[in-house]
Every structure is written in structure tokens, then in C-alpha cells.
Amino acid sequence: MALDLDGTILDLKLNLDPRDVEALGRIIQAGVTVVACTGRPFPGALPWVERLGLEGPIICYQGAEIRLRDGSKMLDHGIKHELAMEVIQFARERDLHVQAYRDDRLIVERDRPEAHEYANHAGMEIHVVGDLDAAMGPTTPKLVIVSTAQKLDALLPEVRKWWEGRLNAATSVPTYLEFTSVESDKASALAFLCDRLGVPQDQGVAVGDGRNDASMIAWAGLGVAVEGSPPEVIAAADRTIPGPGNGGIKQLADMLIGDS
């Protein structure tokens, strides 16, 4: 089971309901392999993985990387520098905050409020660099534009059309527009991991709430969306559950392993 974190088991204020954790524990104890599948960078995912008691690999950076808990990489698909610079230039021209990553460090050109909003949520330190072009390296796992939900909703169709076939673009939480390489999304990472673990596609479960979760929800044998998710996420799902703190993970446990 691939479990998204933010908006699925963590609420948007980073609260974790003990009842959700208990229900997740029931799923794990029943023998289901549960992996975090998150847009968070590895350092921002690991503390939550540990709190949830997840032992397996971590799908992070929107599926661009699969990491073991010691940090070693099973999968690594970054955005090539030249293509990343197209997105960065797009953001610069529109005065939008954009950030990249290098060696698990969050890097930005300007110290803007949006950077702090993201860093506080992700549990990461901000590194201000003079120029992303020089600082980024040959690839970056993902790029994120942080803005208002209204702006990003309006921007999403434009960027999807512009980079169609070259980059994947989706919102994770409503204020983050995230870009990964065309070969990287949560579905491709989940497919890779299921293959490695010997789990057939029809025995895969994916649970999430963001547009970035739609691909894995559609791919899995059982796709589960959080109620109130964007329409494309609901449309990809077989079932829906309530959000964090509202009994959704218990419903999921009952669905997968029954009431015992």
C-alpha cells in the first residue's frame, strides 16, 4: 500500500490523529507492506515515516526518488538542468517563487515568504543561492512553484500544455505546483517498487488526496481518494475515505483486513 502523507494521514496543520496511527498499525500488523509515497523531500518525509512506524522504502520527491531509511537510493530520476531552467525562467518572468533541490537541500534564489511557508511545512532549512542555474547541479529531483491556490489552479492547464511529454506537473497541496521528469510520478515509482517487491499490480493499493496522487490511484488495483480531493483524483479512485482525523484510515483498515 502506497500512502500519501499530507492531506491523507497528516492534516494541513501537520496534526496526526492517534486513531489514524492505530488503524494504520492494524493494517501493518495484518501483513500489508505500507510505504510512504509523498511529494516531500527525503529529509521532510523521514520523521513522519518513523512516527508512523513504516519500515519499508520511501517514495519521495513525487516519485523521482525511492530511498531506504538510511538514505540510500533505489531509484533516482531527476529533471535535467536545461529543462529545469525552462521552469525557473517561466517562474522568474511571472515573479513566482520557485525552488529546486540539490543533495537533499532546499535551494532558492530569493528569501521570500513562500520559501518559509514551504520550509516550515516540510521541516527543511532554506538555502539561498545567488543563481539556481549555477547552484542546481546536473539534475534536480523536482521543482516547486509556491503561490496561492487560485493562481496555481489557473496556471496548471498552461504548464501541463507547455511541458506536455517533457515534464509532469501537478499540485500536491493546493499552494504547491510541482514538476518532475516525465518518467517520474507516484505511479511509475509505485510500479517500480511493486515489481521489486514481487507484488502484482492488482494487489497494490494507493491512497491520496492531491492531483499528484491521481496517477498512482489510477494505477493501483485498489485506488482510494480522500473525500474533497480534486475531481481528477476522485475520478481515478475506486473508493473514497474521510480525511485525516475523521476515521478514514479506520475505514481503510476495515476495507483491507476487515473488523478483526
Protein backbone atom coordinates (compact mmCIF):
# COMPACT_ATOMS: atom_id res chain seq x y z
CA MET A 1 0.00 0.00 0.00
CA ALA A 2 1.32 3.38 -1.05
CA LEU A 3 0.19 6.01 1.45
CA ASP A 4 0.38 9.72 0.72
CA LEU A 5 1.20 11.77 3.81
CA ASP A 6 -0.01 15.39 3.65
CA GLY A 7 -3.78 15.66 3.42
CA THR A 8 -4.21 11.88 3.66
CA ILE A 9 -2.96 10.92 7.12
CA LEU A 10 -1.45 14.28 8.13
CA ASP A 11 -3.80 17.24 8.17
CA LEU A 12 -2.66 20.51 6.62
CA LYS A 13 -1.56 21.79 10.06
CA LEU A 14 0.64 18.68 10.42
CA ASN A 15 -1.57 17.06 13.05
CA LEU A 16 -1.51 13.27 13.28
CA ASP A 17 -4.60 11.71 14.87
CA PRO A 18 -3.69 8.80 17.20
CA ARG A 19 -6.74 6.87 15.91
CA ASP A 20 -5.38 7.09 12.37
CA VAL A 21 -1.98 5.85 13.56
CA GLU A 22 -3.62 2.97 15.42
CA ALA A 23 -5.65 1.97 12.34
CA LEU A 24 -2.52 2.12 10.20
CA GLY A 25 -0.81 -0.13 12.74
CA ARG A 26 -3.61 -2.68 12.28
CA ILE A 27 -3.00 -2.68 8.54
CA ILE A 28 0.73 -3.24 9.03
CA GLN A 29 0.21 -5.95 11.66
CA ALA A 30 -2.07 -7.78 9.23
CA GLY A 31 0.90 -8.19 6.89
CA VAL A 32 0.31 -5.35 4.42
CA THR A 33 3.54 -3.67 3.30
CA VAL A 34 2.89 0.05 3.71
CA VAL A 35 5.20 2.60 2.11
CA ALA A 36 5.03 6.38 2.29
CA CYS A 37 4.53 7.87 -1.17
CA THR A 38 4.98 11.60 -0.85
CA GLY A 39 6.00 14.75 -2.64
CA ARG A 40 8.11 15.61 0.38
CA PRO A 41 11.88 15.56 0.02
CA PHE A 42 13.58 12.68 1.83
CA PRO A 43 14.57 14.75 4.91
CA GLY A 44 10.99 16.06 5.20
CA ALA A 45 9.48 12.58 4.86
CA LEU A 46 11.71 10.54 7.16
CA PRO A 47 10.49 11.91 10.55
CA TRP A 48 6.87 11.11 9.64
CA VAL A 49 7.78 7.67 8.32
CA GLU A 50 9.45 6.96 11.67
CA ARG A 51 6.47 8.28 13.67
CA LEU A 52 4.11 6.08 11.64
CA GLY A 53 6.26 3.00 12.14
CA LEU A 54 6.83 2.38 8.44
CA GLU A 55 9.83 0.12 7.82
CA GLY A 56 9.98 -0.12 4.03
CA PRO A 57 11.37 2.08 1.27
CA ILE A 58 10.18 5.68 0.97
CA ILE A 59 8.84 7.07 -2.30
CA CYS A 60 9.69 10.77 -2.09
CA TYR A 61 10.11 13.85 -4.29
CA GLN A 62 6.83 12.93 -6.11
CA GLY A 63 8.26 9.58 -7.19
CA ALA A 64 11.54 10.96 -8.53
CA GLU A 65 13.39 9.01 -5.83
CA ILE A 66 12.89 5.85 -3.82
CA ARG A 67 15.06 5.84 -0.73
CA LEU A 68 15.77 3.42 2.06
CA ARG A 69 15.64 4.79 5.58
CA ASP A 70 19.45 5.04 5.66
CA GLY A 71 19.20 7.44 2.71
CA SER A 72 20.48 5.09 0.01
CA LYS A 73 18.69 5.29 -3.33
CA MET A 74 16.79 2.54 -5.13
CA LEU A 75 15.53 4.92 -7.84
CA ASP A 76 16.74 8.36 -8.93
CA HIS A 77 15.17 10.24 -11.86
CA GLY A 78 15.87 13.96 -11.82
CA ILE A 79 14.90 16.80 -14.13
CA LYS A 80 17.79 17.62 -16.44
CA HIS A 81 19.36 21.03 -15.89
CA GLU A 82 18.34 22.61 -19.20
CA LEU A 83 14.70 21.62 -18.74
CA ALA A 84 14.71 22.73 -15.11
CA MET A 85 15.94 26.14 -16.20
CA GLU A 86 12.93 26.49 -18.52
CA VAL A 87 10.63 26.21 -15.48
CA ILE A 88 12.80 28.53 -13.42
CA GLN A 89 12.77 31.14 -16.18
CA PHE A 90 8.99 30.76 -16.52
CA ALA A 91 8.64 31.48 -12.79
CA ARG A 92 11.09 34.38 -12.86
CA GLU A 93 9.17 36.09 -15.69
CA ARG A 94 5.95 35.91 -13.63
CA ASP A 95 7.56 36.84 -10.29
CA LEU A 96 6.61 33.45 -8.84
CA HIS A 97 8.60 31.77 -6.09
CA VAL A 98 10.36 28.67 -7.44
CA GLN A 99 12.69 26.26 -5.65
CA ALA A 100 14.93 23.36 -6.53
CA TYR A 101 16.85 20.71 -4.59
CA ARG A 102 20.44 19.54 -4.51
CA ASP A 103 21.78 16.82 -2.22
CA ASP A 104 18.55 16.98 -0.16
CA ARG A 105 18.97 20.73 0.34
CA LEU A 106 16.17 23.18 -0.49
CA ILE A 107 17.66 25.95 -2.66
CA VAL A 108 16.10 29.27 -3.65
CA GLU A 109 17.33 32.44 -5.32
CA ARG A 110 15.42 34.85 -3.08
CA ASP A 111 14.39 34.70 0.55
CA ARG A 112 10.65 35.10 0.05
CA PRO A 113 7.71 34.36 2.40
CA GLU A 114 6.68 31.46 0.15
CA ALA A 115 10.01 29.74 0.84
CA HIS A 116 9.36 29.92 4.58
CA GLU A 117 5.79 28.66 4.15
CA TYR A 118 7.13 25.60 2.37
CA ALA A 119 10.17 25.08 4.61
CA ASN A 120 8.08 25.22 7.79
CA HIS A 121 5.63 22.71 6.36
CA ALA A 122 8.31 20.37 5.01
CA GLY A 123 10.59 20.65 8.04
CA MET A 124 13.56 21.81 5.97
CA GLU A 125 16.14 24.58 6.09
CA ILE A 126 16.23 27.22 3.34
CA HIS A 127 19.48 27.72 1.42
CA VAL A 128 19.58 31.00 -0.51
CA VAL A 129 21.87 30.80 -3.53
CA GLY A 130 22.89 33.57 -5.91
CA ASP A 131 21.70 31.78 -9.02
CA LEU A 132 19.83 28.49 -9.37
CA ASP A 133 21.44 28.00 -12.76
CA ALA A 134 24.87 27.73 -11.13
CA ALA A 135 23.77 26.10 -7.87
CA MET A 136 21.43 23.38 -9.07
CA GLY A 137 23.72 20.72 -10.50
CA PRO A 138 23.12 18.41 -13.50
CA THR A 139 19.64 17.38 -12.28
CA THR A 140 17.14 18.24 -9.56
CA PRO A 141 14.58 15.72 -8.22
CA LYS A 142 11.76 18.22 -8.60
CA LEU A 143 10.90 21.91 -8.85
CA VAL A 144 8.15 23.60 -6.86
CA ILE A 145 6.33 26.86 -7.51
CA VAL A 146 4.66 28.11 -4.30
CA SER A 147 1.78 30.56 -4.69
CA THR A 148 -1.91 30.90 -3.91
CA ALA A 149 -4.25 28.03 -4.73
CA GLN A 150 -6.21 30.33 -7.06
CA LYS A 151 -3.11 31.29 -9.06
CA LEU A 152 -1.87 27.73 -9.33
CA ASP A 153 -5.27 26.38 -10.39
CA ALA A 154 -5.24 28.91 -13.22
CA LEU A 155 -1.63 28.11 -14.11
CA LEU A 156 -1.86 24.30 -14.10
CA PRO A 157 -3.51 23.81 -17.53
CA GLU A 158 -0.99 26.20 -19.10
CA VAL A 159 2.09 24.46 -17.70
CA ARG A 160 0.74 21.00 -18.47
CA LYS A 161 0.19 22.01 -22.08
CA TRP A 162 3.56 23.78 -22.37
CA TRP A 163 5.64 20.89 -20.99
CA GLU A 164 3.43 18.03 -22.23
CA GLY A 165 5.56 14.97 -22.92
CA ARG A 166 8.59 16.62 -21.29
CA LEU A 167 7.63 17.14 -17.63
CA ASN A 168 4.93 16.01 -15.22
CA ALA A 169 3.16 18.85 -13.42
CA ALA A 170 0.60 18.60 -10.62
CA THR A 171 -0.41 20.28 -7.39
CA SER A 172 0.27 18.38 -4.18
CA VAL A 173 -1.28 20.63 -1.57
CA PRO A 174 -3.24 23.43 -3.30
CA THR A 175 -0.44 26.01 -2.88
CA TYR A 176 2.38 23.88 -4.35
CA LEU A 177 2.75 23.30 -8.09
CA GLU A 178 5.33 20.56 -8.52
CA PHE A 179 7.33 19.46 -11.57
CA THR A 180 9.12 16.15 -12.05
CA SER A 181 10.78 14.46 -15.01
CA VAL A 182 8.37 12.88 -17.49
CA GLU A 183 9.42 9.43 -16.27
CA SER A 184 8.80 10.32 -12.62
CA ASP A 185 5.47 10.33 -10.86
CA LYS A 186 3.97 8.39 -8.00
CA ALA A 187 2.53 5.72 -10.32
CA SER A 188 5.85 4.93 -12.00
CA ALA A 189 7.61 4.77 -8.63
CA LEU A 190 4.91 2.51 -7.18
CA ALA A 191 5.09 0.24 -10.24
CA PHE A 192 8.89 0.03 -9.87
CA LEU A 193 8.61 -0.80 -6.17
CA CYS A 194 5.84 -3.39 -6.64
CA ASP A 195 7.99 -5.08 -9.27
CA ARG A 196 10.97 -5.14 -6.91
CA LEU A 197 8.86 -6.50 -4.04
CA GLY A 198 7.09 -9.06 -6.21
CA VAL A 199 3.65 -7.52 -5.62
CA PRO A 200 1.26 -7.85 -8.60
CA GLN A 201 -0.44 -4.64 -9.73
CA ASP A 202 -3.87 -5.94 -8.73
CA GLN A 203 -2.62 -6.36 -5.14
CA GLY A 204 -1.36 -2.78 -4.97
CA VAL A 205 -3.32 -0.14 -3.04
CA ALA A 206 -2.77 3.62 -3.38
CA VAL A 207 -4.27 6.25 -1.09
CA GLY A 208 -4.05 10.02 -1.59
CA ASP A 209 -5.72 13.38 -1.94
CA GLY A 210 -3.73 15.56 -4.35
CA ARG A 211 -3.52 15.82 -8.12
CA ASN A 212 -0.05 14.33 -7.75
CA ASP A 213 -1.74 11.19 -6.34
CA ALA A 214 -4.12 10.64 -9.25
CA SER A 215 -1.67 8.59 -11.33
CA MET A 216 -0.89 6.07 -8.57
CA ILE A 217 -4.55 5.86 -7.54
CA ALA A 218 -5.45 5.00 -11.15
CA TRP A 219 -2.58 2.51 -11.46
CA ALA A 220 -3.19 0.51 -8.29
CA GLY A 221 -5.54 -2.46 -8.10
CA LEU A 222 -7.42 -0.51 -5.43
CA GLY A 223 -7.27 3.27 -5.65
CA VAL A 224 -8.57 5.28 -2.70
CA ALA A 225 -9.07 9.05 -2.67
CA VAL A 226 -9.74 11.32 0.27
CA GLU A 227 -13.17 12.96 0.18
CA GLY A 228 -12.97 16.51 -1.14
CA SER A 229 -9.99 15.80 -3.40
CA PRO A 230 -9.88 17.49 -6.83
CA PRO A 231 -12.26 15.91 -9.38
CA GLU A 232 -9.48 14.21 -11.36
CA VAL A 233 -8.36 12.43 -8.17
CA ILE A 234 -11.88 11.27 -7.28
CA ALA A 235 -12.38 10.11 -10.87
CA ALA A 236 -9.21 7.97 -10.68
CA ALA A 237 -10.33 6.24 -7.46
CA ASP A 238 -12.37 3.12 -6.77
CA ARG A 239 -13.33 4.28 -3.27
CA THR A 240 -13.21 7.39 -1.09
CA ILE A 241 -12.49 7.82 2.62
CA PRO A 242 -12.79 10.78 5.01
CA GLY A 243 -9.73 12.94 5.61
CA PRO A 244 -7.23 12.96 8.48
CA GLY A 245 -8.80 12.72 11.93
CA ASN A 246 -12.20 11.74 10.56
CA GLY A 247 -11.97 7.97 10.59
CA GLY A 248 -10.68 7.48 7.06
CA ILE A 249 -7.74 5.26 7.95
CA LYS A 250 -10.03 3.06 10.09
CA GLN A 251 -12.37 2.72 7.10
CA LEU A 252 -9.34 1.80 5.00
CA ALA A 253 -8.27 -0.83 7.54
CA ASP A 254 -11.78 -2.31 7.60
CA MET A 255 -11.81 -2.35 3.82
CA LEU A 256 -8.47 -4.17 3.57
CA ILE A 257 -8.46 -6.53 6.55
CA GLY A 258 -11.97 -6.50 7.99
CA ASP A 259 -13.05 -5.60 11.52
CA SER A 260 -10.81 -8.08 13.32
